[in-house]
Amino acid sequence: MVETVLRAIPEPYRGVAIKHRELLKFGLVGGSTWVIDTAVFLVLKASVLEAKPLTAKIMAVLVATIVSYVLNREWSFRTRGGRERHHEAALFFIISGIGVAVYTAPLAVSRYVLDLQVPDVSLFTQEVADFVSGQIIGVLAGMAFRWWAFRRFVFPDQDARRQVPVGRE
């Protein structure tokens, strides 16, 4: 499937996409798991965990992180490895936990250091600051951290796992 998509991209963009294939896959996995996290959170919060939004969010993050591990291991970083699977999984979840701190830090700075919250600023300013710091700066910082840490610690070795074309095992 990836090869079909890559062939459809016109030059010179195709060369860039091929060169950064792993990063593109990582981004697609991140976008997909963001959708999973959001959907699970909203469904739980609107139903069985209506009175417990924090519990709903924790469960949603856990589901999304498990899916993220599987997709990243089997697709984004499928040729990388270098660790025993249990060690790899433990590192993935530890780094994902640190990633949560990294992507919430800009929101904390916006709210509690810069004091961009009601009553010091208007509700509109607070909401724009929350969105920019949490959903843009925070997500980009968290993604950059996880990209670096997954490649450095979780999947450190290139070409560590044999590539087998689909249907040829």
N, C-alpha and C. Protein backbone atom coordinates (compact mmCIF):
# COMPACT_ATOMS: atom_id res chain seq x y z
N MET A 1 0.82 -1.19 0.00
CA MET A 1 0.00 0.00 0.00
C MET A 1 0.87 1.26 0.00
N VAL A 2 1.90 1.28 0.85
CA VAL A 2 2.78 2.44 0.95
C VAL A 2 3.47 2.68 -0.39
N GLU A 3 3.91 1.61 -1.03
CA GLU A 3 4.59 1.73 -2.32
C GLU A 3 3.66 2.34 -3.37
N THR A 4 2.39 1.97 -3.36
CA THR A 4 1.42 2.52 -4.30
C THR A 4 1.25 4.02 -4.07
N VAL A 5 1.14 4.41 -2.82
CA VAL A 5 0.99 5.83 -2.49
C VAL A 5 2.25 6.59 -2.90
N LEU A 6 3.43 6.02 -2.62
CA LEU A 6 4.68 6.70 -2.97
C LEU A 6 4.81 6.89 -4.48
N ARG A 7 4.38 5.90 -5.25
CA ARG A 7 4.45 6.03 -6.72
C ARG A 7 3.53 7.13 -7.24
N ALA A 8 2.47 7.41 -6.52
CA ALA A 8 1.51 8.43 -6.95
C ALA A 8 1.99 9.85 -6.65
N ILE A 9 3.01 10.00 -5.81
CA ILE A 9 3.52 11.32 -5.46
C ILE A 9 4.45 11.80 -6.57
N PRO A 10 4.23 13.01 -7.08
CA PRO A 10 5.09 13.51 -8.16
C PRO A 10 6.50 13.85 -7.65
N GLU A 11 7.47 13.74 -8.55
CA GLU A 11 8.84 14.18 -8.24
C GLU A 11 8.82 15.69 -8.15
N PRO A 12 9.63 16.36 -7.38
CA PRO A 12 10.69 15.86 -6.50
C PRO A 12 10.18 15.47 -5.12
N TYR A 13 8.87 15.56 -4.89
CA TYR A 13 8.32 15.26 -3.58
C TYR A 13 8.42 13.77 -3.23
N ARG A 14 8.40 12.92 -4.26
CA ARG A 14 8.49 11.48 -4.02
C ARG A 14 9.81 11.13 -3.33
N GLY A 15 10.89 11.72 -3.79
CA GLY A 15 12.20 11.45 -3.17
C GLY A 15 12.24 11.85 -1.71
N VAL A 16 11.64 13.00 -1.39
CA VAL A 16 11.58 13.46 0.00
C VAL A 16 10.72 12.51 0.83
N ALA A 17 9.58 12.09 0.27
CA ALA A 17 8.69 11.17 0.99
C ALA A 17 9.37 9.83 1.25
N ILE A 18 10.10 9.33 0.26
CA ILE A 18 10.81 8.05 0.43
C ILE A 18 11.90 8.20 1.48
N LYS A 19 12.63 9.29 1.42
CA LYS A 19 13.72 9.51 2.38
C LYS A 19 13.20 9.59 3.81
N HIS A 20 12.01 10.17 3.97
CA HIS A 20 11.44 10.37 5.31
C HIS A 20 10.23 9.46 5.55
N ARG A 21 10.23 8.30 4.92
CA ARG A 21 9.12 7.35 5.00
C ARG A 21 8.79 6.99 6.46
N GLU A 22 9.81 6.72 7.26
CA GLU A 22 9.60 6.34 8.65
C GLU A 22 8.91 7.47 9.42
N LEU A 23 9.33 8.70 9.19
CA LEU A 23 8.73 9.85 9.87
C LEU A 23 7.27 10.03 9.42
N LEU A 24 7.00 9.88 8.15
CA LEU A 24 5.63 9.99 7.66
C LEU A 24 4.72 8.93 8.29
N LYS A 25 5.22 7.71 8.37
CA LYS A 25 4.44 6.64 9.01
C LYS A 25 4.20 6.96 10.48
N PHE A 26 5.24 7.44 11.16
CA PHE A 26 5.12 7.83 12.57
C PHE A 26 4.04 8.90 12.73
N GLY A 27 4.03 9.88 11.84
CA GLY A 27 3.02 10.93 11.89
C GLY A 27 1.61 10.40 11.65
N LEU A 28 1.47 9.48 10.72
CA LEU A 28 0.16 8.87 10.46
C LEU A 28 -0.33 8.06 11.65
N VAL A 29 0.58 7.33 12.28
CA VAL A 29 0.21 6.57 13.48
C VAL A 29 -0.22 7.55 14.57
N GLY A 30 0.53 8.63 14.74
CA GLY A 30 0.17 9.63 15.75
C GLY A 30 -1.19 10.23 15.50
N GLY A 31 -1.47 10.58 14.26
CA GLY A 31 -2.79 11.12 13.92
C GLY A 31 -3.90 10.13 14.17
N SER A 32 -3.65 8.88 13.80
CA SER A 32 -4.65 7.82 14.01
C SER A 32 -4.92 7.59 15.49
N THR A 33 -3.87 7.55 16.28
CA THR A 33 -4.07 7.29 17.71
C THR A 33 -4.66 8.51 18.42
N TRP A 34 -4.45 9.71 17.87
CA TRP A 34 -5.12 10.89 18.41
C TRP A 34 -6.63 10.75 18.21
N VAL A 35 -7.03 10.28 17.04
CA VAL A 35 -8.45 10.06 16.76
C VAL A 35 -9.01 8.99 17.69
N ILE A 36 -8.27 7.90 17.89
CA ILE A 36 -8.71 6.83 18.79
C ILE A 36 -8.85 7.36 20.22
N ASP A 37 -7.85 8.09 20.69
CA ASP A 37 -7.88 8.68 22.03
C ASP A 37 -9.11 9.58 22.19
N THR A 38 -9.34 10.45 21.21
CA THR A 38 -10.46 11.37 21.29
C THR A 38 -11.79 10.63 21.27
N ALA A 39 -11.92 9.66 20.38
CA ALA A 39 -13.19 8.91 20.26
C ALA A 39 -13.49 8.11 21.53
N VAL A 40 -12.49 7.39 22.04
CA VAL A 40 -12.71 6.60 23.26
C VAL A 40 -13.06 7.52 24.43
N PHE A 41 -12.34 8.63 24.56
CA PHE A 41 -12.61 9.59 25.63
C PHE A 41 -14.05 10.12 25.55
N LEU A 42 -14.45 10.55 24.36
CA LEU A 42 -15.80 11.12 24.22
C LEU A 42 -16.90 10.09 24.45
N VAL A 43 -16.70 8.87 23.96
CA VAL A 43 -17.69 7.81 24.16
C VAL A 43 -17.81 7.46 25.65
N LEU A 44 -16.67 7.27 26.31
CA LEU A 44 -16.71 6.93 27.74
C LEU A 44 -17.30 8.07 28.57
N LYS A 45 -16.90 9.30 28.26
CA LYS A 45 -17.38 10.47 29.00
C LYS A 45 -18.87 10.70 28.79
N ALA A 46 -19.38 10.32 27.64
CA ALA A 46 -20.80 10.51 27.35
C ALA A 46 -21.66 9.33 27.79
N SER A 47 -21.02 8.28 28.31
CA SER A 47 -21.80 7.10 28.69
C SER A 47 -21.43 6.62 30.09
N VAL A 48 -20.71 5.53 30.20
CA VAL A 48 -20.47 4.87 31.48
C VAL A 48 -19.61 5.65 32.46
N LEU A 49 -18.82 6.59 31.96
CA LEU A 49 -17.96 7.38 32.87
C LEU A 49 -18.29 8.87 32.83
N GLU A 50 -19.57 9.16 32.68
CA GLU A 50 -20.02 10.55 32.58
C GLU A 50 -19.56 11.39 33.77
N ALA A 51 -19.61 10.83 34.96
CA ALA A 51 -19.23 11.57 36.17
C ALA A 51 -17.73 11.49 36.46
N LYS A 52 -16.98 10.76 35.64
CA LYS A 52 -15.55 10.57 35.89
C LYS A 52 -14.73 10.85 34.63
N PRO A 53 -14.64 12.12 34.21
CA PRO A 53 -13.92 12.43 32.97
C PRO A 53 -12.42 12.11 33.04
N LEU A 54 -11.81 12.23 34.19
CA LEU A 54 -10.38 11.92 34.31
C LEU A 54 -10.14 10.42 34.10
N THR A 55 -10.99 9.60 34.67
CA THR A 55 -10.89 8.15 34.46
C THR A 55 -11.10 7.82 32.98
N ALA A 56 -12.06 8.49 32.35
CA ALA A 56 -12.30 8.28 30.92
C ALA A 56 -11.07 8.65 30.10
N LYS A 57 -10.42 9.75 30.46
CA LYS A 57 -9.23 10.20 29.73
C LYS A 57 -8.07 9.23 29.93
N ILE A 58 -7.88 8.75 31.14
CA ILE A 58 -6.81 7.78 31.41
C ILE A 58 -7.02 6.52 30.60
N MET A 59 -8.26 6.03 30.56
CA MET A 59 -8.55 4.81 29.80
C MET A 59 -8.33 5.05 28.30
N ALA A 60 -8.74 6.21 27.81
CA ALA A 60 -8.56 6.54 26.40
C ALA A 60 -7.08 6.61 26.03
N VAL A 61 -6.28 7.23 26.88
CA VAL A 61 -4.84 7.32 26.64
C VAL A 61 -4.20 5.93 26.65
N LEU A 62 -4.62 5.07 27.57
CA LEU A 62 -4.08 3.71 27.61
C LEU A 62 -4.41 2.93 26.33
N VAL A 63 -5.65 3.01 25.87
CA VAL A 63 -6.04 2.32 24.64
C VAL A 63 -5.22 2.86 23.47
N ALA A 64 -5.13 4.18 23.35
CA ALA A 64 -4.39 4.80 22.25
C ALA A 64 -2.90 4.46 22.31
N THR A 65 -2.34 4.37 23.49
CA THR A 65 -0.91 4.06 23.63
C THR A 65 -0.64 2.61 23.24
N ILE A 66 -1.53 1.70 23.60
CA ILE A 66 -1.36 0.30 23.20
C ILE A 66 -1.43 0.18 21.68
N VAL A 67 -2.41 0.83 21.06
CA VAL A 67 -2.52 0.82 19.61
C VAL A 67 -1.28 1.46 18.98
N SER A 68 -0.82 2.54 19.57
CA SER A 68 0.38 3.22 19.07
C SER A 68 1.60 2.30 19.10
N TYR A 69 1.76 1.55 20.17
CA TYR A 69 2.90 0.63 20.25
C TYR A 69 2.83 -0.41 19.13
N VAL A 70 1.67 -1.01 18.97
CA VAL A 70 1.53 -2.05 17.95
C VAL A 70 1.78 -1.47 16.55
N LEU A 71 1.16 -0.35 16.23
CA LEU A 71 1.32 0.24 14.90
C LEU A 71 2.75 0.73 14.65
N ASN A 72 3.35 1.35 15.66
CA ASN A 72 4.73 1.82 15.48
C ASN A 72 5.69 0.65 15.33
N ARG A 73 5.51 -0.37 16.14
CA ARG A 73 6.42 -1.53 16.07
C ARG A 73 6.28 -2.28 14.75
N GLU A 74 5.04 -2.49 14.33
CA GLU A 74 4.79 -3.32 13.16
C GLU A 74 4.76 -2.56 11.84
N TRP A 75 4.70 -1.22 11.89
CA TRP A 75 4.61 -0.47 10.64
C TRP A 75 5.66 0.64 10.58
N SER A 76 5.58 1.63 11.46
CA SER A 76 6.49 2.77 11.39
C SER A 76 7.95 2.35 11.50
N PHE A 77 8.25 1.53 12.49
CA PHE A 77 9.63 1.12 12.76
C PHE A 77 9.80 -0.39 12.53
N ARG A 78 9.14 -0.92 11.52
CA ARG A 78 9.09 -2.38 11.34
C ARG A 78 10.44 -3.02 11.07
N THR A 79 11.40 -2.27 10.56
CA THR A 79 12.72 -2.86 10.32
C THR A 79 13.71 -2.55 11.43
N ARG A 80 13.27 -1.74 12.40
CA ARG A 80 14.15 -1.37 13.51
C ARG A 80 13.90 -2.30 14.69
N GLY A 81 14.84 -2.38 15.57
CA GLY A 81 14.69 -3.23 16.74
C GLY A 81 15.90 -3.11 17.62
N GLY A 82 16.38 -4.25 18.10
CA GLY A 82 17.57 -4.25 18.94
C GLY A 82 17.30 -4.54 20.40
N ARG A 83 16.05 -4.75 20.75
CA ARG A 83 15.68 -5.03 22.14
C ARG A 83 14.78 -6.26 22.18
N GLU A 84 14.79 -6.93 23.34
CA GLU A 84 13.80 -7.98 23.54
C GLU A 84 12.43 -7.30 23.62
N ARG A 85 11.40 -8.01 23.20
CA ARG A 85 10.09 -7.39 23.08
C ARG A 85 9.59 -6.81 24.41
N HIS A 86 9.75 -7.51 25.52
CA HIS A 86 9.25 -6.98 26.80
C HIS A 86 10.02 -5.72 27.20
N HIS A 87 11.30 -5.69 26.92
CA HIS A 87 12.12 -4.50 27.22
C HIS A 87 11.70 -3.34 26.31
N GLU A 88 11.49 -3.65 25.05
CA GLU A 88 11.05 -2.67 24.07
C GLU A 88 9.70 -2.06 24.49
N ALA A 89 8.75 -2.91 24.87
CA ALA A 89 7.42 -2.44 25.28
C ALA A 89 7.51 -1.57 26.53
N ALA A 90 8.30 -2.00 27.50
CA ALA A 90 8.44 -1.21 28.73
C ALA A 90 9.01 0.17 28.42
N LEU A 91 10.05 0.22 27.60
CA LEU A 91 10.64 1.50 27.22
C LEU A 91 9.63 2.36 26.45
N PHE A 92 8.86 1.74 25.57
CA PHE A 92 7.86 2.48 24.80
C PHE A 92 6.86 3.16 25.74
N PHE A 93 6.37 2.43 26.74
CA PHE A 93 5.38 3.01 27.65
C PHE A 93 5.99 4.04 28.58
N ILE A 94 7.23 3.85 29.00
CA ILE A 94 7.91 4.86 29.83
C ILE A 94 8.11 6.14 29.03
N ILE A 95 8.60 6.01 27.81
CA ILE A 95 8.82 7.19 26.97
C ILE A 95 7.49 7.86 26.63
N SER A 96 6.45 7.09 26.41
CA SER A 96 5.13 7.67 26.15
C SER A 96 4.65 8.46 27.36
N GLY A 97 4.92 7.94 28.57
CA GLY A 97 4.56 8.67 29.79
C GLY A 97 5.33 9.98 29.92
N ILE A 98 6.61 9.95 29.62
CA ILE A 98 7.41 11.18 29.63
C ILE A 98 6.90 12.13 28.56
N GLY A 99 6.48 11.57 27.41
CA GLY A 99 5.91 12.37 26.33
C GLY A 99 4.68 13.14 26.78
N VAL A 100 3.87 12.54 27.64
CA VAL A 100 2.70 13.24 28.17
C VAL A 100 3.14 14.49 28.94
N ALA A 101 4.18 14.35 29.74
CA ALA A 101 4.71 15.51 30.48
C ALA A 101 5.24 16.57 29.52
N VAL A 102 5.94 16.13 28.46
CA VAL A 102 6.49 17.08 27.49
C VAL A 102 5.37 17.84 26.79
N TYR A 103 4.32 17.14 26.37
CA TYR A 103 3.29 17.88 25.63
C TYR A 103 2.30 18.62 26.51
N THR A 104 2.29 18.38 27.81
CA THR A 104 1.45 19.21 28.69
C THR A 104 2.20 20.40 29.27
N ALA A 105 3.53 20.39 29.19
CA ALA A 105 4.33 21.49 29.75
C ALA A 105 3.98 22.86 29.14
N PRO A 106 3.84 23.00 27.82
CA PRO A 106 3.48 24.33 27.30
C PRO A 106 2.15 24.85 27.83
N LEU A 107 1.17 23.97 28.01
CA LEU A 107 -0.11 24.39 28.57
C LEU A 107 0.06 24.84 30.01
N ALA A 108 0.85 24.11 30.78
CA ALA A 108 1.11 24.51 32.17
C ALA A 108 1.81 25.87 32.22
N VAL A 109 2.76 26.10 31.34
CA VAL A 109 3.47 27.39 31.31
C VAL A 109 2.48 28.50 30.94
N SER A 110 1.65 28.25 29.94
CA SER A 110 0.67 29.24 29.51
C SER A 110 -0.28 29.62 30.64
N ARG A 111 -0.78 28.60 31.34
CA ARG A 111 -1.76 28.85 32.40
C ARG A 111 -1.15 29.40 33.68
N TYR A 112 -0.05 28.77 34.14
CA TYR A 112 0.41 29.04 35.50
C TYR A 112 1.66 29.90 35.59
N VAL A 113 2.41 30.03 34.51
CA VAL A 113 3.58 30.93 34.53
C VAL A 113 3.20 32.25 33.87
N LEU A 114 2.61 32.18 32.69
CA LEU A 114 2.20 33.40 31.98
C LEU A 114 0.84 33.91 32.45
N ASP A 115 0.14 33.12 33.25
CA ASP A 115 -1.16 33.50 33.82
C ASP A 115 -2.21 33.84 32.77
N LEU A 116 -2.21 33.10 31.67
CA LEU A 116 -3.18 33.33 30.60
C LEU A 116 -4.46 32.57 30.90
N GLN A 117 -5.16 33.04 31.94
CA GLN A 117 -6.41 32.43 32.37
C GLN A 117 -7.32 33.48 32.97
N VAL A 118 -8.61 33.18 32.93
CA VAL A 118 -9.61 34.04 33.53
C VAL A 118 -9.34 34.08 35.03
N PRO A 119 -9.36 35.17 35.73
CA PRO A 119 -9.86 36.50 35.38
C PRO A 119 -8.77 37.45 34.85
N ASP A 120 -7.53 36.98 34.71
CA ASP A 120 -6.45 37.87 34.26
C ASP A 120 -6.56 38.22 32.77
N VAL A 121 -7.20 37.34 31.99
CA VAL A 121 -7.44 37.61 30.57
C VAL A 121 -8.88 37.21 30.25
N SER A 122 -9.34 37.57 29.07
CA SER A 122 -10.72 37.21 28.69
C SER A 122 -10.82 35.70 28.46
N LEU A 123 -12.03 35.19 28.50
CA LEU A 123 -12.27 33.76 28.24
C LEU A 123 -11.77 33.38 26.85
N PHE A 124 -12.00 34.25 25.87
CA PHE A 124 -11.53 33.99 24.51
C PHE A 124 -10.01 33.85 24.46
N THR A 125 -9.31 34.79 25.10
CA THR A 125 -7.84 34.74 25.14
C THR A 125 -7.36 33.47 25.83
N GLN A 126 -8.00 33.12 26.93
CA GLN A 126 -7.64 31.89 27.64
C GLN A 126 -7.79 30.68 26.74
N GLU A 127 -8.91 30.58 26.02
CA GLU A 127 -9.17 29.42 25.17
C GLU A 127 -8.21 29.36 23.98
N VAL A 128 -7.89 30.50 23.39
CA VAL A 128 -6.92 30.53 22.29
C VAL A 128 -5.54 30.13 22.82
N ALA A 129 -5.16 30.65 23.96
CA ALA A 129 -3.86 30.30 24.56
C ALA A 129 -3.80 28.81 24.89
N ASP A 130 -4.88 28.27 25.44
CA ASP A 130 -4.94 26.84 25.74
C ASP A 130 -4.77 26.00 24.47
N PHE A 131 -5.47 26.40 23.42
CA PHE A 131 -5.42 25.64 22.17
C PHE A 131 -4.01 25.70 21.56
N VAL A 132 -3.46 26.90 21.47
CA VAL A 132 -2.13 27.05 20.86
C VAL A 132 -1.06 26.33 21.69
N SER A 133 -1.09 26.53 22.99
CA SER A 133 -0.05 25.92 23.83
C SER A 133 -0.24 24.42 23.99
N GLY A 134 -1.48 23.96 24.11
CA GLY A 134 -1.73 22.54 24.33
C GLY A 134 -1.81 21.71 23.07
N GLN A 135 -2.57 22.20 22.08
CA GLN A 135 -2.83 21.39 20.90
C GLN A 135 -1.85 21.62 19.75
N ILE A 136 -1.13 22.72 19.76
CA ILE A 136 -0.16 22.95 18.69
C ILE A 136 1.26 22.81 19.22
N ILE A 137 1.67 23.70 20.10
CA ILE A 137 3.05 23.65 20.62
C ILE A 137 3.29 22.36 21.39
N GLY A 138 2.36 22.00 22.26
CA GLY A 138 2.53 20.80 23.07
C GLY A 138 2.58 19.52 22.25
N VAL A 139 1.66 19.39 21.29
CA VAL A 139 1.64 18.18 20.46
C VAL A 139 2.91 18.09 19.62
N LEU A 140 3.36 19.21 19.05
CA LEU A 140 4.59 19.19 18.25
C LEU A 140 5.81 18.85 19.11
N ALA A 141 5.88 19.42 20.31
CA ALA A 141 7.00 19.12 21.20
C ALA A 141 6.98 17.65 21.63
N GLY A 142 5.80 17.15 21.98
CA GLY A 142 5.67 15.74 22.36
C GLY A 142 6.01 14.80 21.23
N MET A 143 5.58 15.15 20.02
CA MET A 143 5.87 14.31 18.86
C MET A 143 7.37 14.29 18.58
N ALA A 144 8.01 15.44 18.63
CA ALA A 144 9.46 15.51 18.39
C ALA A 144 10.22 14.69 19.43
N PHE A 145 9.81 14.82 20.69
CA PHE A 145 10.46 14.05 21.75
C PHE A 145 10.29 12.55 21.53
N ARG A 146 9.05 12.11 21.26
CA ARG A 146 8.80 10.69 21.08
C ARG A 146 9.52 10.14 19.85
N TRP A 147 9.54 10.91 18.75
CA TRP A 147 10.26 10.48 17.54
C TRP A 147 11.72 10.21 17.87
N TRP A 148 12.34 11.17 18.54
CA TRP A 148 13.76 11.02 18.91
C TRP A 148 13.95 9.85 19.87
N ALA A 149 13.15 9.78 20.93
CA ALA A 149 13.33 8.77 21.97
C ALA A 149 13.01 7.36 21.48
N PHE A 150 11.98 7.20 20.67
CA PHE A 150 11.66 5.87 20.15
C PHE A 150 12.80 5.35 19.29
N ARG A 151 13.33 6.21 18.42
CA ARG A 151 14.44 5.78 17.56
C ARG A 151 15.72 5.57 18.35
N ARG A 152 15.94 6.33 19.38
CA ARG A 152 17.18 6.24 20.17
C ARG A 152 17.16 5.09 21.17
N PHE A 153 16.02 4.88 21.84
CA PHE A 153 15.98 3.93 22.95
C PHE A 153 15.12 2.68 22.71
N VAL A 154 13.97 2.85 22.05
CA VAL A 154 13.04 1.72 21.90
C VAL A 154 13.40 0.86 20.69
N PHE A 155 13.62 1.51 19.55
CA PHE A 155 13.95 0.82 18.30
C PHE A 155 15.30 1.33 17.80
N PRO A 156 16.40 1.05 18.51
CA PRO A 156 17.67 1.72 18.22
C PRO A 156 18.42 1.24 16.98
N ASP A 157 18.21 0.01 16.57
CA ASP A 157 19.02 -0.54 15.49
C ASP A 157 18.26 -0.60 14.17
N GLN A 158 18.84 0.01 13.13
CA GLN A 158 18.25 -0.07 11.80
C GLN A 158 18.43 -1.48 11.24
N ASP A 159 17.49 -1.90 10.43
CA ASP A 159 17.53 -3.20 9.75
C ASP A 159 17.77 -4.37 10.71
N ALA A 160 17.22 -4.27 11.91
CA ALA A 160 17.38 -5.33 12.90
C ALA A 160 16.40 -6.47 12.69
N ARG A 161 15.28 -6.17 12.05
CA ARG A 161 14.28 -7.20 11.78
C ARG A 161 14.17 -7.41 10.28
N ARG A 162 14.10 -8.64 9.91
CA ARG A 162 14.01 -9.02 8.50
C ARG A 162 12.71 -8.51 7.89
N GLN A 163 12.79 -7.96 6.70
CA GLN A 163 11.61 -7.53 5.97
C GLN A 163 11.10 -8.68 5.13
N VAL A 164 9.85 -9.03 5.32
CA VAL A 164 9.22 -10.09 4.53
C VAL A 164 8.05 -9.47 3.80
N PRO A 165 8.04 -9.50 2.47
CA PRO A 165 6.89 -8.93 1.75
C PRO A 165 5.60 -9.65 2.16
N VAL A 166 4.51 -8.89 2.18
CA VAL A 166 3.21 -9.42 2.56
C VAL A 166 2.86 -10.59 1.65
N GLY A 167 2.41 -11.70 2.25
CA GLY A 167 1.99 -12.86 1.48
C GLY A 167 3.12 -13.80 1.08
N ARG A 168 4.33 -13.55 1.59
CA ARG A 168 5.46 -14.41 1.20
C ARG A 168 6.13 -15.10 2.38
N GLU A 169 5.41 -15.28 3.45
CA GLU A 169 5.99 -15.94 4.61
C GLU A 169 5.90 -17.42 4.51
